[in-house]
N, C-alpha and C. Protein backbone atom coordinates (compact mmCIF):
# COMPACT_ATOMS: atom_id res chain seq x y z
N MET A 1 86.30 129.24 77.97
CA MET A 1 85.57 128.20 78.50
C MET A 1 85.71 128.09 80.56
N SER A 2 84.42 127.89 81.12
CA SER A 2 83.88 127.96 82.32
C SER A 2 84.71 126.68 82.84
N LEU A 3 85.18 126.86 84.39
CA LEU A 3 85.27 125.35 84.91
C LEU A 3 84.37 125.29 86.27
N ILE A 4 82.79 125.88 85.99
CA ILE A 4 82.56 125.71 86.81
C ILE A 4 81.17 124.56 86.78
N PRO A 5 81.02 124.23 85.56
CA PRO A 5 80.36 122.66 85.09
C PRO A 5 81.52 121.68 85.66
N TRP A 6 82.32 122.05 86.18
CA TRP A 6 83.62 120.76 86.42
C TRP A 6 83.54 120.96 88.01
N LEU A 7 83.60 122.20 88.20
CA LEU A 7 83.73 121.96 89.82
C LEU A 7 82.05 121.27 90.53
N ARG A 8 81.29 121.75 90.03
CA ARG A 8 80.05 121.04 90.33
C ARG A 8 80.03 119.68 89.78
N TRP A 9 80.45 119.09 88.76
CA TRP A 9 80.43 117.89 88.81
C TRP A 9 81.65 116.91 89.90
N SER A 10 82.52 117.26 89.99
CA SER A 10 83.63 117.22 90.78
C SER A 10 82.44 116.98 92.59
N GLU A 11 81.57 118.31 93.03
CA GLU A 11 81.19 118.21 93.99
C GLU A 11 80.08 117.05 94.42
N ALA A 12 79.22 116.76 93.12
CA ALA A 12 78.40 115.81 92.97
C ALA A 12 78.77 114.42 93.35
N LEU A 13 79.88 113.85 93.44
CA LEU A 13 80.38 112.96 93.84
C LEU A 13 80.51 112.50 95.10
N PRO A 14 80.45 111.40 95.69
CA PRO A 14 80.15 111.09 96.61
C PRO A 14 81.17 111.04 97.44
N ARG A 15 81.90 111.50 99.06
CA ARG A 15 82.98 111.40 99.22
C ARG A 15 83.32 110.22 99.87
N PRO A 16 84.56 109.53 99.82
CA PRO A 16 84.62 108.12 100.42
C PRO A 16 84.33 108.22 101.95
N SER A 17 84.41 109.06 102.49
CA SER A 17 83.85 109.31 104.15
C SER A 17 82.64 109.08 104.64
N SER A 18 81.45 110.07 103.14
CA SER A 18 80.12 110.02 103.90
C SER A 18 79.87 108.56 103.11
N ARG A 19 80.45 107.17 102.47
CA ARG A 19 79.82 105.81 102.05
C ARG A 19 80.43 105.06 103.41
N SER A 20 79.11 104.21 103.49
CA SER A 20 79.30 103.05 104.54
C SER A 20 80.65 102.06 104.20
N PRO A 21 81.16 101.53 104.90
CA PRO A 21 81.64 100.23 104.93
C PRO A 21 81.32 99.62 103.88
N ALA A 22 79.79 98.77 104.05
CA ALA A 22 79.11 97.51 103.37
C ALA A 22 78.74 98.48 101.66
N GLU A 23 78.71 100.05 101.72
CA GLU A 23 78.49 100.57 100.12
C GLU A 23 79.88 100.17 99.41
N MET A 24 81.22 100.42 100.48
CA MET A 24 82.55 100.19 99.74
C MET A 24 82.80 99.09 99.48
N VAL A 25 82.22 98.13 100.36
CA VAL A 25 82.23 96.97 100.18
C VAL A 25 81.40 96.24 98.28
N LEU A 26 80.48 96.49 98.71
CA LEU A 26 79.40 96.42 97.53
C LEU A 26 80.15 97.15 96.41
N ASP A 27 80.47 97.93 96.38
CA ASP A 27 81.47 98.55 95.38
C ASP A 27 82.13 98.13 94.73
N THR A 28 83.22 97.37 95.47
CA THR A 28 84.58 96.75 95.01
C THR A 28 83.96 95.76 94.51
N LEU A 29 83.56 94.89 95.39
CA LEU A 29 83.41 93.49 94.58
C LEU A 29 82.41 93.61 93.18
N MET A 30 81.16 94.13 93.16
CA MET A 30 80.75 94.83 92.14
C MET A 30 81.88 95.34 90.57
N MET A 31 82.52 95.71 90.68
CA MET A 31 83.74 96.51 90.07
C MET A 31 84.54 95.57 89.69
N GLU A 32 84.99 94.57 90.78
CA GLU A 32 85.62 93.53 90.58
C GLU A 32 85.09 91.95 89.21
N LEU A 33 84.15 91.81 89.82
CA LEU A 33 82.85 91.22 88.84
C LEU A 33 83.15 91.88 87.40
N LEU A 34 82.33 93.23 87.45
CA LEU A 34 82.29 93.67 85.96
C LEU A 34 84.13 93.44 85.34
N GLY A 35 84.98 93.75 85.73
CA GLY A 35 86.42 93.56 85.44
C GLY A 35 86.69 92.65 84.98
N GLN A 36 86.13 91.17 85.84
CA GLN A 36 86.81 90.17 85.20
C GLN A 36 85.98 89.68 84.35
N MET A 37 84.77 90.11 84.06
CA MET A 37 83.74 89.30 82.92
C MET A 37 84.12 90.28 81.54
N ARG A 38 84.80 91.53 81.90
CA ARG A 38 85.42 91.90 80.66
C ARG A 38 86.92 91.60 79.95
N GLU A 39 87.32 90.99 80.55
CA GLU A 39 88.73 90.31 81.18
C GLU A 39 88.44 89.05 80.03
N ALA A 40 87.35 88.09 80.73
CA ALA A 40 86.78 86.58 80.33
C ALA A 40 86.20 86.82 78.65
N GLU A 41 85.34 88.16 78.51
CA GLU A 41 85.14 88.38 77.28
C GLU A 41 86.22 88.71 76.54
N ARG A 42 87.17 89.57 76.72
CA ARG A 42 88.50 89.77 75.60
C ARG A 42 89.07 88.34 75.26
N GLN A 43 89.65 86.96 76.39
CA GLN A 43 90.09 86.17 76.64
C GLN A 43 89.37 85.12 75.29
N GLN A 44 87.56 84.68 75.37
CA GLN A 44 86.71 84.30 74.58
C GLN A 44 87.02 85.01 73.37
N ARG A 45 87.30 86.29 73.17
CA ARG A 45 87.45 86.63 71.70
C ARG A 45 88.70 86.41 71.04
N GLU A 46 89.86 86.48 71.98
CA GLU A 46 90.88 86.34 71.22
C GLU A 46 90.97 84.71 70.69
N ARG A 47 90.84 84.07 71.66
CA ARG A 47 90.56 82.77 71.54
C ARG A 47 89.86 82.28 70.22
N SER A 48 88.55 82.62 69.62
CA SER A 48 87.69 82.58 68.84
C SER A 48 88.24 83.44 67.59
N ASN A 49 88.62 84.29 67.68
CA ASN A 49 89.75 84.85 66.98
C ASN A 49 90.77 84.16 66.08
N ALA A 50 91.90 83.25 67.39
CA ALA A 50 93.03 82.60 67.22
C ALA A 50 92.48 81.43 66.21
N VAL A 51 90.95 80.90 66.34
CA VAL A 51 90.36 79.68 65.99
C VAL A 51 90.48 79.82 64.45
N ARG A 52 89.77 81.17 64.32
CA ARG A 52 89.57 81.54 63.19
C ARG A 52 90.78 81.78 61.94
N LYS A 53 91.62 82.03 62.55
CA LYS A 53 92.58 82.20 61.99
C LYS A 53 93.31 81.26 61.12
N ILE A 54 93.11 80.16 62.51
CA ILE A 54 94.17 78.88 62.34
C ILE A 54 92.89 78.01 60.79
N CYS A 55 91.32 78.11 60.79
CA CYS A 55 90.70 77.58 60.16
C CYS A 55 90.94 78.14 58.48
N THR A 56 91.07 79.28 58.93
CA THR A 56 91.16 80.24 57.45
C THR A 56 92.35 80.25 56.45
N GLY A 57 93.12 80.28 56.87
CA GLY A 57 94.33 80.52 57.41
C GLY A 57 94.96 81.81 56.93
N VAL A 58 93.84 82.76 56.83
CA VAL A 58 94.33 84.15 56.64
C VAL A 58 93.47 85.12 57.69
N ASP A 59 94.27 86.25 57.87
CA ASP A 59 93.71 86.91 59.36
C ASP A 59 93.25 88.59 58.70
N TYR A 60 92.09 88.85 58.83
CA TYR A 60 91.65 89.67 58.20
C TYR A 60 91.39 90.68 59.16
N SER A 61 91.71 90.45 60.27
CA SER A 61 91.12 91.22 61.69
C SER A 61 91.66 92.79 61.31
N TRP A 62 92.68 93.06 61.13
CA TRP A 62 93.31 94.07 60.50
C TRP A 62 92.46 95.12 59.43
N LEU A 63 91.14 94.34 58.61
CA LEU A 63 90.45 94.94 57.87
C LEU A 63 89.52 95.68 58.22
N ALA A 64 88.96 94.87 59.34
CA ALA A 64 87.50 94.81 59.52
C ALA A 64 87.66 94.68 61.05
N SER A 65 86.21 95.69 62.03
CA SER A 65 86.73 95.20 63.57
C SER A 65 85.32 94.79 63.96
N THR A 66 84.88 93.48 63.80
CA THR A 66 83.51 93.42 64.45
C THR A 66 83.34 94.40 65.38
N PRO A 67 81.60 94.34 65.73
CA PRO A 67 81.31 95.40 66.55
C PRO A 67 81.54 93.75 68.11
N ARG A 68 81.88 94.94 68.71
CA ARG A 68 81.95 94.32 70.32
C ARG A 68 80.67 93.98 71.18
N ALA A 69 80.17 92.40 71.18
CA ALA A 69 79.47 92.19 72.12
C ALA A 69 79.53 91.77 73.30
N THR A 70 79.14 92.96 74.53
CA THR A 70 79.00 92.69 75.81
C THR A 70 78.37 92.24 76.32
N TYR A 71 78.70 91.01 77.28
CA TYR A 71 77.86 89.83 78.03
C TYR A 71 77.27 90.98 78.87
N ASP A 72 75.92 91.63 79.43
CA ASP A 72 75.44 92.18 80.80
C ASP A 72 74.64 91.38 81.63
N LEU A 73 74.91 91.50 82.86
CA LEU A 73 73.97 90.52 83.56
C LEU A 73 72.39 91.16 83.98
N SER A 74 71.63 90.03 83.94
CA SER A 74 70.30 90.74 83.83
C SER A 74 70.01 91.54 85.02
N PRO A 75 69.03 92.36 85.21
CA PRO A 75 68.90 92.68 86.40
C PRO A 75 68.41 92.18 87.59
N GLY A 76 67.80 91.64 87.62
CA GLY A 76 67.61 90.20 88.68
C GLY A 76 69.03 89.59 89.58
N GLU A 77 69.77 89.52 88.49
CA GLU A 77 71.48 88.58 88.59
C GLU A 77 71.77 89.49 89.39
N ARG A 78 71.88 91.06 88.62
CA ARG A 78 72.97 91.53 89.38
C ARG A 78 72.25 91.74 90.97
N LEU A 79 70.92 92.03 90.75
CA LEU A 79 69.98 92.56 92.08
C LEU A 79 70.21 91.62 93.41
N GLN A 80 70.48 89.72 92.97
CA GLN A 80 71.01 88.99 93.80
C GLN A 80 72.34 89.10 94.10
N LEU A 81 73.23 89.66 93.33
CA LEU A 81 74.58 89.16 93.75
C LEU A 81 75.19 90.64 94.10
N GLU A 82 73.86 91.66 94.12
CA GLU A 82 74.27 93.04 95.39
C GLU A 82 73.76 92.72 96.55
N ASP A 83 72.88 91.73 96.82
CA ASP A 83 72.66 91.48 98.10
C ASP A 83 73.78 90.47 98.74
N VAL A 84 73.93 89.59 98.29
CA VAL A 84 74.70 88.76 98.34
C VAL A 84 76.44 89.58 99.03
N CYS A 85 76.81 90.49 98.17
CA CYS A 85 77.73 91.20 98.34
C CYS A 85 77.43 92.13 99.69
N ALA A 86 76.39 92.60 99.66
CA ALA A 86 76.16 93.46 101.32
C ALA A 86 76.37 92.76 102.27
N LYS A 87 76.35 91.38 102.22
CA LYS A 87 76.47 90.63 103.31
C LYS A 87 77.82 90.15 103.74
N ILE A 88 78.66 90.67 102.85
CA ILE A 88 80.18 90.30 103.22
C ILE A 88 80.58 91.58 104.47
N HIS A 89 81.44 90.83 104.96
CA HIS A 89 82.05 91.83 106.21
C HIS A 89 83.43 92.31 105.69
N PRO A 90 83.81 93.74 105.72
CA PRO A 90 84.55 94.51 104.83
C PRO A 90 86.14 93.71 104.97
N SER A 91 86.33 92.77 105.98
CA SER A 91 87.69 92.19 106.77
C SER A 91 87.81 91.17 105.28
N TYR A 92 86.54 90.47 105.01
CA TYR A 92 86.48 89.39 104.10
C TYR A 92 86.68 89.80 102.72
N CYS A 93 86.44 91.06 102.53
CA CYS A 93 86.27 91.71 100.89
C CYS A 93 87.63 91.06 100.21
N GLY A 94 89.05 91.57 100.43
CA GLY A 94 90.81 91.08 100.04
C GLY A 94 90.67 89.46 99.64
N PRO A 95 90.60 88.94 100.84
CA PRO A 95 90.14 87.41 100.30
C PRO A 95 89.18 86.84 99.38
N ALA A 96 88.12 87.38 99.53
CA ALA A 96 87.26 87.40 98.43
C ALA A 96 87.60 87.48 97.15
N ILE A 97 88.05 88.38 96.52
CA ILE A 97 88.40 88.63 95.31
C ILE A 97 89.91 88.33 95.34
N LEU A 98 90.89 87.82 95.87
CA LEU A 98 91.76 87.19 95.86
C LEU A 98 91.48 85.84 95.49
N ARG A 99 90.65 85.22 96.01
CA ARG A 99 89.83 83.94 95.97
C ARG A 99 88.92 83.76 94.78
N PHE A 100 88.50 84.92 94.34
CA PHE A 100 87.64 84.74 92.63
C PHE A 100 88.75 84.93 91.53
N ARG A 101 89.83 85.77 91.94
CA ARG A 101 90.69 85.78 91.03
C ARG A 101 91.53 84.32 90.75
N GLN A 102 91.95 84.10 91.59
CA GLN A 102 92.79 82.59 91.76
C GLN A 102 91.59 81.55 90.85
N LEU A 103 90.50 81.92 91.25
CA LEU A 103 89.56 80.51 90.44
C LEU A 103 89.65 81.16 88.55
N MET A 104 89.38 82.14 88.99
CA MET A 104 89.33 82.51 87.09
C MET A 104 90.27 81.97 86.30
N ALA A 105 91.69 82.07 87.31
CA ALA A 105 93.15 82.47 86.48
C ALA A 105 93.37 80.79 86.29
N GLU A 106 92.12 79.89 86.97
CA GLU A 106 92.30 78.31 87.24
C GLU A 106 91.30 77.45 86.24
N GLN A 107 90.28 78.47 85.99
CA GLN A 107 89.42 78.01 85.35
C GLN A 107 88.87 78.48 84.27
N GLU A 108 89.54 79.58 83.69
CA GLU A 108 89.62 80.40 82.56
C GLU A 108 88.16 79.80 81.95
N PRO A 109 86.98 80.65 82.82
CA PRO A 109 85.77 80.21 82.67
C PRO A 109 85.12 80.83 81.07
N GLU A 110 83.85 80.70 80.39
CA GLU A 110 83.19 81.48 79.52
C GLU A 110 82.94 82.99 80.45
N VAL A 111 82.06 83.79 79.72
CA VAL A 111 81.64 85.13 80.23
C VAL A 111 80.79 84.83 81.02
N GLN A 112 79.44 84.02 80.41
CA GLN A 112 78.33 83.27 81.18
C GLN A 112 78.89 82.72 82.43
N GLU A 113 79.29 82.81 82.52
CA GLU A 113 79.77 81.40 83.48
C GLU A 113 81.14 81.86 84.97
N VAL A 114 81.05 83.19 85.05
CA VAL A 114 81.84 84.25 85.33
C VAL A 114 80.78 84.43 86.94
N SER A 115 79.63 84.90 86.15
CA SER A 115 78.95 85.50 87.54
C SER A 115 78.80 84.24 88.22
N ARG A 116 78.40 82.55 88.08
CA ARG A 116 78.17 81.70 88.55
C ARG A 116 79.63 81.18 89.34
N LEU A 117 80.14 81.57 89.24
CA LEU A 117 82.07 81.70 90.11
C LEU A 117 81.83 82.60 90.81
N PHE A 118 81.61 83.65 90.16
CA PHE A 118 81.42 84.65 91.58
C PHE A 118 80.76 84.61 92.87
N ARG A 119 79.56 84.23 92.69
CA ARG A 119 78.25 83.73 93.45
C ARG A 119 78.87 82.62 94.53
N SER A 120 79.56 81.77 93.98
CA SER A 120 80.36 80.48 94.61
C SER A 120 81.43 80.80 95.60
N VAL A 121 82.13 82.15 94.95
CA VAL A 121 82.95 82.57 96.22
C VAL A 121 82.51 83.09 97.21
N LEU A 122 81.33 83.90 96.67
CA LEU A 122 80.91 84.67 97.92
C LEU A 122 80.18 83.96 98.46
N GLN A 123 79.49 82.46 98.63
CA GLN A 123 78.67 81.90 99.18
C GLN A 123 79.82 81.21 100.26
N GLU A 124 81.12 80.49 99.73
CA GLU A 124 82.48 80.21 100.45
C GLU A 124 82.90 81.39 101.52
N VAL A 125 82.68 82.66 101.13
CA VAL A 125 83.25 83.17 101.81
C VAL A 125 82.22 83.41 102.93
N LEU A 126 80.53 83.82 102.56
CA LEU A 126 79.55 83.59 103.80
C LEU A 126 79.96 82.28 104.88
N GLU A 127 79.82 81.40 103.83
CA GLU A 127 80.26 80.22 104.91
C GLU A 127 81.90 80.42 105.93
N ARG A 128 82.64 80.53 105.37
CA ARG A 128 83.83 80.87 106.68
C ARG A 128 83.13 81.65 107.53
N MET A 129 82.61 83.13 107.24
CA MET A 129 82.01 83.99 107.82
C MET A 129 81.40 83.61 109.28
N LYS A 130 80.32 82.56 108.38
CA LYS A 130 79.55 82.22 109.75
C LYS A 130 80.37 81.46 110.65
N GLN A 131 81.45 80.19 110.24
CA GLN A 131 81.76 79.73 110.75
C GLN A 131 82.93 79.79 111.84
N GLU A 132 83.65 81.50 111.76
CA GLU A 132 84.07 82.15 112.18
C GLU A 132 83.35 82.37 113.71
N GLU A 133 82.45 83.17 113.08
CA GLU A 133 81.30 84.14 114.24
C GLU A 133 80.95 83.03 115.05
N GLU A 134 80.65 81.44 114.89
CA GLU A 134 80.24 80.85 115.76
C GLU A 134 81.41 80.08 116.43
N ALA A 135 82.84 79.93 116.26
CA ALA A 135 83.75 79.88 116.66
C ALA A 135 83.67 80.70 117.62
N HIS A 136 83.92 81.79 117.37
CA HIS A 136 84.01 83.26 118.37
C HIS A 136 82.88 83.29 119.63
N LYS A 137 81.61 83.14 119.13
CA LYS A 137 80.77 83.04 119.95
C LYS A 137 81.23 81.71 121.01
N LEU A 138 81.59 80.54 120.78
CA LEU A 138 81.97 79.55 121.82
C LEU A 138 83.37 80.07 122.39
N THR A 139 83.94 80.63 122.05
CA THR A 139 84.99 80.94 122.79
C THR A 139 84.89 82.15 123.79
N ARG A 140 83.79 82.98 123.17
CA ARG A 140 83.52 84.07 123.98
C ARG A 140 82.44 83.40 125.27
N GLN A 141 81.58 82.08 125.05
CA GLN A 141 80.92 81.73 125.86
C GLN A 141 82.03 80.91 126.86
N TRP A 142 82.66 80.32 126.68
CA TRP A 142 84.32 79.27 127.32
C TRP A 142 84.41 80.44 128.20
N SER A 143 84.93 81.62 127.97
CA SER A 143 85.74 82.52 128.51
C SER A 143 84.54 83.49 129.68
N LEU A 144 83.02 83.19 129.38
CA LEU A 144 82.24 84.09 130.64
C LEU A 144 81.68 82.80 131.64
N ARG A 145 82.04 81.66 131.40
CA ARG A 145 81.55 81.05 131.90
C ARG A 145 82.33 80.44 133.49
N PRO A 146 81.42 80.72 134.43
CA PRO A 146 82.28 80.71 136.04
C PRO A 146 83.29 79.68 135.87
N ARG A 147 84.59 79.93 136.25
CA ARG A 147 85.31 78.77 136.43
C ARG A 147 85.32 77.79 138.19
N VAL A 148 85.00 76.54 137.44
CA VAL A 148 85.07 75.38 138.74
C VAL A 148 85.89 74.86 138.61
N ARG A 149 86.73 74.88 139.58
CA ARG A 149 87.99 73.70 139.30
C ARG A 149 87.86 72.41 140.42
N THR A 150 87.56 71.40 139.41
CA THR A 150 87.46 70.32 139.70
C THR A 150 88.86 69.99 139.85
N HIS A 151 88.96 68.27 141.00
CA HIS A 151 90.50 67.93 140.96
C HIS A 151 89.81 66.67 140.20
N ALA A 152 90.25 65.71 139.12
CA ALA A 152 90.45 64.71 138.63
C ALA A 152 91.06 64.15 139.41
N ARG A 153 90.52 62.22 139.67
CA ARG A 153 91.13 61.53 140.52
C ARG A 153 91.23 60.47 139.34
N ILE A 154 92.44 59.67 139.35
CA ILE A 154 92.76 58.55 138.63
C ILE A 154 92.33 57.15 139.69
N SER A 155 91.44 56.73 139.48
CA SER A 155 91.53 55.20 139.84
C SER A 155 90.72 54.26 138.97
N PRO A 156 91.49 53.47 138.07
CA PRO A 156 91.11 52.66 137.33
C PRO A 156 90.05 51.59 138.01
N PHE A 157 89.48 51.48 137.44
CA PHE A 157 88.27 50.41 137.87
C PHE A 157 88.45 48.60 137.23
N ALA A 158 88.75 48.78 136.09
CA ALA A 158 89.20 47.50 135.41
C ALA A 158 90.13 47.00 136.09
N SER A 159 90.24 45.66 136.21
CA SER A 159 91.12 44.71 137.08
C SER A 159 91.86 44.16 135.76
N ASP A 160 91.73 44.33 134.57
CA ASP A 160 92.76 43.70 133.49
C ASP A 160 93.90 44.67 133.61
N ILE A 161 93.60 46.01 133.95
CA ILE A 161 94.77 46.55 133.55
C ILE A 161 95.84 46.40 134.33
N ARG A 162 97.03 46.53 133.80
CA ARG A 162 98.17 46.15 134.77
C ARG A 162 99.14 47.40 134.94
N THR A 163 99.37 47.99 136.06
CA THR A 163 100.27 49.14 136.31
C THR A 163 101.45 48.47 136.61
N ILE A 164 102.83 48.72 136.89
CA ILE A 164 103.69 48.82 137.27
C ILE A 164 103.75 48.40 138.57
N SER A 165 103.34 49.20 139.45
CA SER A 165 103.03 48.75 140.83
C SER A 165 102.64 47.77 141.41
N GLU A 166 101.79 46.98 139.88
CA GLU A 166 101.35 45.52 140.50
C GLU A 166 102.38 44.54 140.21
N ASP A 167 103.17 45.04 139.16
CA ASP A 167 104.31 44.48 138.96
C ASP A 167 105.12 43.51 139.69
N VAL A 168 105.53 45.10 140.51
CA VAL A 168 106.45 44.93 141.20
C VAL A 168 106.18 44.21 142.80
N GLU A 169 104.88 44.72 143.16
CA GLU A 169 104.19 43.83 144.01
C GLU A 169 104.47 41.88 144.04
N ARG A 170 103.79 41.77 142.71
CA ARG A 170 103.99 40.28 142.51
C ARG A 170 105.36 39.84 142.66
N ASP A 171 105.89 40.10 141.64
CA ASP A 171 107.77 39.94 141.68
C ASP A 171 108.34 40.73 142.60
N ALA A 172 108.75 40.21 143.78
CA ALA A 172 109.47 41.26 144.37
C ALA A 172 110.74 40.97 144.20
N ARG A 173 111.28 39.85 143.23
CA ARG A 173 112.32 39.76 142.82
C ARG A 173 113.11 40.26 141.54
N PRO A 174 114.18 40.67 141.51
CA PRO A 174 114.78 41.66 140.17
C PRO A 174 114.06 41.32 138.83
N PRO A 175 114.28 41.51 137.75
CA PRO A 175 114.24 40.83 136.27
C PRO A 175 115.36 40.42 136.24
N PRO A 176 115.37 39.19 135.44
CA PRO A 176 116.47 38.47 135.52
C PRO A 176 117.23 39.02 134.40
N ARG A 177 118.82 38.91 134.85
CA ARG A 177 119.76 39.74 133.91
C ARG A 177 119.83 39.01 132.33
N THR A 178 120.89 40.09 131.52
CA THR A 178 120.56 39.34 130.29
C THR A 178 121.66 38.14 130.21
N TRP A 179 121.90 37.33 129.48
CA TRP A 179 123.19 36.14 129.44
C TRP A 179 124.49 36.77 129.36
N SER A 180 124.67 37.59 128.90
CA SER A 180 125.82 38.23 129.27
C SER A 180 126.31 38.95 130.30
N MET A 181 125.64 39.25 131.08
CA MET A 181 126.02 39.16 132.48
C MET A 181 125.57 38.34 133.42
N PRO A 182 126.65 37.82 134.75
CA PRO A 182 126.30 37.08 135.68
C PRO A 182 125.08 37.37 136.47
N GLU A 183 124.13 36.56 137.32
CA GLU A 183 123.36 37.10 138.08
C GLU A 183 123.82 36.62 139.30
N PHE A 184 123.97 37.73 140.12
CA PHE A 184 124.43 37.95 141.67
C PHE A 184 123.21 37.89 142.62
N ARG A 185 123.07 36.16 143.38
CA ARG A 185 122.12 36.55 144.41
C ARG A 185 122.83 36.12 145.61
N ALA A 186 121.81 36.96 146.33
CA ALA A 186 122.77 36.14 147.93
C ALA A 186 121.78 35.10 148.41
N PRO A 187 122.61 34.03 149.01
CA PRO A 187 122.04 32.54 149.08
C PRO A 187 121.04 32.83 150.26
N LYS A 188 120.28 31.95 149.77
CA LYS A 188 118.77 32.01 150.50
C LYS A 188 118.54 31.55 151.93
N GLU A 189 118.19 31.94 152.92
CA GLU A 189 118.71 30.93 154.20
C GLU A 189 117.14 30.93 154.57
N ASP A 190 117.37 29.06 155.08
CA ASP A 190 115.82 28.79 155.40
C ASP A 190 115.40 29.04 156.61
């Protein structure tokens, strides 16, 4: 047996270094979606088998295996999801996957709902990217502005604002003592 077909097959695979980061993010996110869809389908099948076993009282799963109906994305929906995945920055790929897995564990959706949930996670990530980009632009603009130092002056214009200095000027005498302390005053000279 010749090893040449195997060698040619390995040459045909794209090398990881030749792929762009956007392609790697796209492939990673789509593989995650497909894996979660398979898992949701398996859980849905197990639930239906458990319900059937409870209803009939008999387990015939060992006797015959039913053909597995796999849910697949429509080509249009797949293209839309790939388009959104391509917009995700590589640094947000990991947090997007973690958020998607968290929502999958919390909600345990049906297979048909997994792509909708995935799309909502991608939209959250895009919004977060946009907010952080705007915040980064603002900080960059703020740091590039010429710095003009102005001296702040405090001058209250309202006359109803009482200050400590006004109290001292009005009442030149010391505040009254508490009852337990005698008040010592110098006799007033007239």
